């Protein structure tokens, strides 16, 4: 839950109940859920849609909304994924969801209620640039370094061994067979 409390804490039990009833590994509150209730400035809506577009293009995640600050996940998932997060600022949500997705974890989304905070927003142009930089770094780790491969605790099955038999004749090296 984000510290600015734009999402009221009384939203947590409903998301935890959704996690339990669905059997999923991770439940994510979504501003794009049909039952979401938003009181939200238009500037934030535009920034959110732009960021969603960028993350959709870069990561192809099964979620529309990675940045809503309401998430619930099972303890084993937390123990597996959270220690491996490298992002410490605005894009840690993307990295969390990306790792869970790459490691075969199941998601469920639920509605969220967002109310305006009385404090000034931390989503400033500078913060948006930092989030963009963090997102780019995560993309580089994912695509460039392959850092978000198979889960260490749930390794992918090894592919079957394929044997190829090549004789000298196939390469034209044996005159007696040619």
C-alpha atoms as a PDB file:
ATOM      1  CA  UNK A   1       0.000   0.000   0.000  1.00  0.00           C
ATOM      2  CA  UNK A   2       1.459   3.363  -0.965  1.00  0.00           C
ATOM      3  CA  UNK A   3       2.438   5.647   1.911  1.00  0.00           C
ATOM      4  CA  UNK A   4       0.398   8.613   0.631  1.00  0.00           C
ATOM      5  CA  UNK A   5      -2.809   6.671   1.448  1.00  0.00           C
ATOM      6  CA  UNK A   6      -4.584   7.699  -1.775  1.00  0.00           C
ATOM      7  CA  UNK A   7      -5.793   4.120  -1.595  1.00  0.00           C
ATOM      8  CA  UNK A   8      -7.500   3.800   1.784  1.00  0.00           C
ATOM      9  CA  UNK A   9      -6.198   0.969   3.996  1.00  0.00           C
ATOM     10  CA  UNK A  10      -9.708  -0.497   4.196  1.00  0.00           C
ATOM     11  CA  UNK A  11      -9.170  -1.693   0.598  1.00  0.00           C
ATOM     12  CA  UNK A  12      -6.578  -4.247   1.774  1.00  0.00           C
ATOM     13  CA  UNK A  13      -8.948  -6.921   3.186  1.00  0.00           C
ATOM     14  CA  UNK A  14     -10.916  -7.146  -0.079  1.00  0.00           C
ATOM     15  CA  UNK A  15      -7.734  -7.678  -2.092  1.00  0.00           C
ATOM     16  CA  UNK A  16      -6.452 -10.309   0.360  1.00  0.00           C
ATOM     17  CA  UNK A  17      -9.837 -12.076   0.165  1.00  0.00           C
ATOM     18  CA  UNK A  18      -9.579 -12.024  -3.642  1.00  0.00           C
ATOM     19  CA  UNK A  19      -6.097 -13.532  -3.425  1.00  0.00           C
ATOM     20  CA  UNK A  20      -7.332 -16.301  -1.129  1.00  0.00           C
ATOM     21  CA  UNK A  21     -10.507 -17.099  -3.083  1.00  0.00           C
ATOM     22  CA  UNK A  22      -8.780 -17.130  -6.480  1.00  0.00           C
ATOM     23  CA  UNK A  23      -5.828 -19.306  -5.497  1.00  0.00           C
ATOM     24  CA  UNK A  24      -3.551 -16.917  -7.416  1.00  0.00           C
ATOM     25  CA  UNK A  25      -0.033 -16.059  -6.292  1.00  0.00           C
ATOM     26  CA  UNK A  26      -0.372 -12.290  -6.604  1.00  0.00           C
ATOM     27  CA  UNK A  27      -3.371  -9.945  -6.415  1.00  0.00           C
ATOM     28  CA  UNK A  28      -3.033  -6.464  -7.877  1.00  0.00           C
ATOM     29  CA  UNK A  29      -5.403  -3.566  -7.368  1.00  0.00           C
ATOM     30  CA  UNK A  30      -6.184  -1.990 -10.718  1.00  0.00           C
ATOM     31  CA  UNK A  31      -7.370   1.463 -11.710  1.00  0.00           C
ATOM     32  CA  UNK A  32      -8.609  -0.117 -14.954  1.00  0.00           C
ATOM     33  CA  UNK A  33     -10.843  -2.714 -13.291  1.00  0.00           C
ATOM     34  CA  UNK A  34     -14.503  -2.122 -14.209  1.00  0.00           C
ATOM     35  CA  UNK A  35     -15.444  -1.654 -10.532  1.00  0.00           C
ATOM     36  CA  UNK A  36     -12.601   0.749  -9.689  1.00  0.00           C
ATOM     37  CA  UNK A  37     -13.638   4.082  -8.171  1.00  0.00           C
ATOM     38  CA  UNK A  38     -11.314   6.953  -8.980  1.00  0.00           C
ATOM     39  CA  UNK A  39     -11.238  10.564  -7.916  1.00  0.00           C
ATOM     40  CA  UNK A  40      -8.146  11.444  -9.829  1.00  0.00           C
ATOM     41  CA  UNK A  41      -6.667  14.554 -11.489  1.00  0.00           C
ATOM     42  CA  UNK A  42      -6.519  14.475 -15.295  1.00  0.00           C
ATOM     43  CA  UNK A  43      -2.716  14.950 -15.297  1.00  0.00           C
ATOM     44  CA  UNK A  44      -2.282  11.766 -13.268  1.00  0.00           C
ATOM     45  CA  UNK A  45      -4.660   9.910 -15.608  1.00  0.00           C
ATOM     46  CA  UNK A  46      -2.587  10.928 -18.627  1.00  0.00           C
ATOM     47  CA  UNK A  47       0.712   9.974 -16.952  1.00  0.00           C
ATOM     48  CA  UNK A  48      -0.760   6.637 -15.896  1.00  0.00           C
ATOM     49  CA  UNK A  49      -1.961   5.848 -19.413  1.00  0.00           C
ATOM     50  CA  UNK A  50       1.397   6.794 -20.944  1.00  0.00           C
ATOM     51  CA  UNK A  51       3.283   4.640 -18.460  1.00  0.00           C
ATOM     52  CA  UNK A  52       0.897   1.759 -19.089  1.00  0.00           C
ATOM     53  CA  UNK A  53       1.549   2.074 -22.826  1.00  0.00           C
ATOM     54  CA  UNK A  54       5.324   2.008 -22.282  1.00  0.00           C
ATOM     55  CA  UNK A  55       5.238  -1.018 -19.972  1.00  0.00           C
ATOM     56  CA  UNK A  56       2.836  -2.852 -22.306  1.00  0.00           C
ATOM     57  CA  UNK A  57       5.226  -2.369 -25.230  1.00  0.00           C
ATOM     58  CA  UNK A  58       8.412  -3.183 -23.301  1.00  0.00           C
ATOM     59  CA  UNK A  59       7.308  -6.117 -21.162  1.00  0.00           C
ATOM     60  CA  UNK A  60       4.068  -7.642 -22.534  1.00  0.00           C
ATOM     61  CA  UNK A  61       2.775  -8.270 -19.021  1.00  0.00           C
ATOM     62  CA  UNK A  62      -0.647  -9.842 -18.421  1.00  0.00           C
ATOM     63  CA  UNK A  63      -1.730  -6.781 -16.391  1.00  0.00           C
ATOM     64  CA  UNK A  64      -2.894  -3.360 -17.491  1.00  0.00           C
ATOM     65  CA  UNK A  65      -1.942  -1.626 -14.266  1.00  0.00           C
ATOM     66  CA  UNK A  66       1.420  -2.252 -12.646  1.00  0.00           C
ATOM     67  CA  UNK A  67       1.643   1.013 -10.706  1.00  0.00           C
ATOM     68  CA  UNK A  68      -1.381   0.980  -8.436  1.00  0.00           C
ATOM     69  CA  UNK A  69       0.068   0.790  -4.957  1.00  0.00           C
ATOM     70  CA  UNK A  70      -2.149  -2.011  -3.708  1.00  0.00           C
ATOM     71  CA  UNK A  71      -0.739  -5.502  -4.041  1.00  0.00           C
ATOM     72  CA  UNK A  72      -1.030  -8.703  -2.062  1.00  0.00           C
ATOM     73  CA  UNK A  73       1.030 -11.813  -2.558  1.00  0.00           C
ATOM     74  CA  UNK A  74       1.596 -15.113  -0.879  1.00  0.00           C
ATOM     75  CA  UNK A  75       4.455 -15.436   1.593  1.00  0.00           C
ATOM     76  CA  UNK A  76       6.406 -17.917  -0.545  1.00  0.00           C
ATOM     77  CA  UNK A  77       6.168 -15.538  -3.494  1.00  0.00           C
ATOM     78  CA  UNK A  78       7.378 -12.635  -1.356  1.00  0.00           C
ATOM     79  CA  UNK A  79      10.316 -14.663  -0.072  1.00  0.00           C
ATOM     80  CA  UNK A  80      11.265 -15.708  -3.582  1.00  0.00           C
ATOM     81  CA  UNK A  81      10.860 -12.403  -5.420  1.00  0.00           C
ATOM     82  CA  UNK A  82      11.320  -9.414  -3.082  1.00  0.00           C
ATOM     83  CA  UNK A  83      14.995 -10.108  -2.218  1.00  0.00           C
ATOM     84  CA  UNK A  84      15.798 -10.154  -5.940  1.00  0.00           C
ATOM     85  CA  UNK A  85      14.352  -6.708  -6.694  1.00  0.00           C
ATOM     86  CA  UNK A  86      16.977  -4.187  -7.753  1.00  0.00           C
ATOM     87  CA  UNK A  87      14.752  -1.148  -8.260  1.00  0.00           C
ATOM     88  CA  UNK A  88      14.282   0.889  -5.100  1.00  0.00           C
ATOM     89  CA  UNK A  89      12.191   3.749  -6.459  1.00  0.00           C
ATOM     90  CA  UNK A  90       9.108   4.201  -8.598  1.00  0.00           C
ATOM     91  CA  UNK A  91       9.454   1.188 -10.906  1.00  0.00           C
ATOM     92  CA  UNK A  92       9.833  -1.529  -8.274  1.00  0.00           C
ATOM     93  CA  UNK A  93       6.198  -2.497  -9.003  1.00  0.00           C
ATOM     94  CA  UNK A  94       7.085  -3.278 -12.615  1.00  0.00           C
ATOM     95  CA  UNK A  95      10.062  -5.360 -11.579  1.00  0.00           C
ATOM     96  CA  UNK A  96       7.985  -7.266  -9.019  1.00  0.00           C
ATOM     97  CA  UNK A  97       5.259  -8.080 -11.547  1.00  0.00           C
ATOM     98  CA  UNK A  98       7.812  -8.875 -14.254  1.00  0.00           C
ATOM     99  CA  UNK A  99       9.676 -11.353 -12.036  1.00  0.00           C
ATOM    100  CA  UNK A 100       6.439 -12.990 -10.950  1.00  0.00           C
ATOM    101  CA  UNK A 101       5.286 -13.261 -14.564  1.00  0.00           C
ATOM    102  CA  UNK A 102       8.611 -14.602 -15.858  1.00  0.00           C
ATOM    103  CA  UNK A 103       8.647 -17.152 -13.054  1.00  0.00           C
ATOM    104  CA  UNK A 104       5.199 -18.482 -13.918  1.00  0.00           C
ATOM    105  CA  UNK A 105       3.222 -17.016 -11.033  1.00  0.00           C
ATOM    106  CA  UNK A 106      -0.524 -16.454 -11.449  1.00  0.00           C
ATOM    107  CA  UNK A 107      -2.148 -13.021 -11.148  1.00  0.00           C
ATOM    108  CA  UNK A 108      -5.583 -11.770 -10.342  1.00  0.00           C
ATOM    109  CA  UNK A 109      -6.726  -8.141 -10.448  1.00  0.00           C
ATOM    110  CA  UNK A 110      -9.285  -6.431  -8.298  1.00  0.00           C
ATOM    111  CA  UNK A 111     -10.892  -3.010  -8.179  1.00  0.00           C
ATOM    112  CA  UNK A 112      -9.330  -0.188  -6.240  1.00  0.00           C
ATOM    113  CA  UNK A 113     -10.680   3.038  -4.754  1.00  0.00           C
ATOM    114  CA  UNK A 114      -8.436   6.063  -5.134  1.00  0.00           C
ATOM    115  CA  UNK A 115      -9.154   9.283  -3.293  1.00  0.00           C
ATOM    116  CA  UNK A 116      -7.110  12.467  -3.643  1.00  0.00           C
ATOM    117  CA  UNK A 117      -4.524  13.082  -0.982  1.00  0.00           C
ATOM    118  CA  UNK A 118      -4.429  16.366   0.897  1.00  0.00           C
ATOM    119  CA  UNK A 119      -0.644  16.406   0.469  1.00  0.00           C
ATOM    120  CA  UNK A 120       1.068  17.439  -2.772  1.00  0.00           C
ATOM    121  CA  UNK A 121       1.615  14.598  -5.205  1.00  0.00           C
ATOM    122  CA  UNK A 122       5.048  12.999  -5.399  1.00  0.00           C
ATOM    123  CA  UNK A 123       4.411  12.401  -9.103  1.00  0.00           C
ATOM    124  CA  UNK A 124       6.399  15.358 -10.386  1.00  0.00           C
ATOM    125  CA  UNK A 125       8.086  15.671 -13.797  1.00  0.00           C
ATOM    126  CA  UNK A 126      11.392  14.768 -12.119  1.00  0.00           C
ATOM    127  CA  UNK A 127       9.807  11.694 -10.510  1.00  0.00           C
ATOM    128  CA  UNK A 128       8.339  10.693 -13.879  1.00  0.00           C
ATOM    129  CA  UNK A 129      11.827  10.880 -15.428  1.00  0.00           C
ATOM    130  CA  UNK A 130      13.264   8.761 -12.613  1.00  0.00           C
ATOM    131  CA  UNK A 131      10.492   6.206 -13.096  1.00  0.00           C
ATOM    132  CA  UNK A 132      11.259   6.156 -16.812  1.00  0.00           C
ATOM    133  CA  UNK A 133      14.962   5.615 -16.112  1.00  0.00           C
ATOM    134  CA  UNK A 134      14.205   2.819 -13.637  1.00  0.00           C
ATOM    135  CA  UNK A 135      11.860   1.197 -16.153  1.00  0.00           C
ATOM    136  CA  UNK A 136      14.522   1.383 -18.864  1.00  0.00           C
ATOM    137  CA  UNK A 137      17.061  -0.253 -16.504  1.00  0.00           C
ATOM    138  CA  UNK A 138      14.606  -3.074 -15.781  1.00  0.00           C
ATOM    139  CA  UNK A 139      14.053  -3.537 -19.520  1.00  0.00           C
ATOM    140  CA  UNK A 140      17.825  -3.735 -20.065  1.00  0.00           C
ATOM    141  CA  UNK A 141      18.170  -6.315 -17.286  1.00  0.00           C
ATOM    142  CA  UNK A 142      15.298  -8.312 -18.779  1.00  0.00           C
ATOM    143  CA  UNK A 143      16.053  -8.173 -22.496  1.00  0.00           C
ATOM    144  CA  UNK A 144      19.752  -7.432 -22.545  1.00  0.00           C
ATOM    145  CA  UNK A 145      21.016  -9.530 -19.656  1.00  0.00           C
ATOM    146  CA  UNK A 146      18.254 -12.117 -19.364  1.00  0.00           C
ATOM    147  CA  UNK A 147      18.230 -11.479 -15.622  1.00  0.00           C
ATOM    148  CA  UNK A 148      14.592 -12.451 -15.189  1.00  0.00           C
ATOM    149  CA  UNK A 149      14.778 -16.010 -16.441  1.00  0.00           C
ATOM    150  CA  UNK A 150      13.534 -19.111 -14.684  1.00  0.00           C
ATOM    151  CA  UNK A 151      12.794 -19.039 -10.983  1.00  0.00           C
ATOM    152  CA  UNK A 152      15.598 -20.428  -8.843  1.00  0.00           C
ATOM    153  CA  UNK A 153      13.100 -22.346  -6.716  1.00  0.00           C
ATOM    154  CA  UNK A 154      10.960 -23.498  -9.646  1.00  0.00           C
ATOM    155  CA  UNK A 155      13.433 -24.326 -12.399  1.00  0.00           C
ATOM    156  CA  UNK A 156      12.160 -24.957 -15.890  1.00  0.00           C
ATOM    157  CA  UNK A 157      12.264 -28.593 -16.991  1.00  0.00           C
ATOM    158  CA  UNK A 158      15.330 -29.459 -19.011  1.00  0.00           C
ATOM    159  CA  UNK A 159      14.614 -29.987 -22.683  1.00  0.00           C
ATOM    160  CA  UNK A 160      14.976 -33.548 -23.965  1.00  0.00           C
ATOM    161  CA  UNK A 161      18.381 -34.487 -25.299  1.00  0.00           C
ATOM    162  CA  UNK A 162      18.504 -34.506 -29.083  1.00  0.00           C
ATOM    163  CA  UNK A 163      21.090 -36.712 -30.718  1.00  0.00           C
ATOM    164  CA  UNK A 164      22.264 -36.184 -34.260  1.00  0.00           C
ATOM    165  CA  UNK A 165      24.129 -38.940 -36.040  1.00  0.00           C
ATOM    166  CA  UNK A 166      26.337 -37.800 -38.876  1.00  0.00           C
ATOM    167  CA  UNK A 167      28.327 -40.226 -40.953  1.00  0.00           C
ATOM    168  CA  UNK A 168      31.360 -39.463 -43.098  1.00  0.00           C
ATOM    169  CA  UNK A 169      29.229 -39.993 -46.169  1.00  0.00           C
ATOM    170  CA  UNK A 170      26.872 -37.162 -45.240  1.00  0.00           C
ATOM    171  CA  UNK A 171      29.814 -34.790 -45.234  1.00  0.00           C
ATOM    172  CA  UNK A 172      31.405 -36.249 -48.393  1.00  0.00           C
ATOM    173  CA  UNK A 173      34.493 -37.396 -46.487  1.00  0.00           C
ATOM    174  CA  UNK A 174      34.338 -41.122 -47.238  1.00  0.00           C
ATOM    175  CA  UNK A 175      35.337 -41.950 -50.852  1.00  0.00           C
ATOM    176  CA  UNK A 176      34.376 -45.579 -50.448  1.00  0.00           C
ATOM    177  CA  UNK A 177      30.742 -44.656 -49.750  1.00  0.00           C
ATOM    178  CA  UNK A 178      30.512 -41.868 -52.352  1.00  0.00           C
END
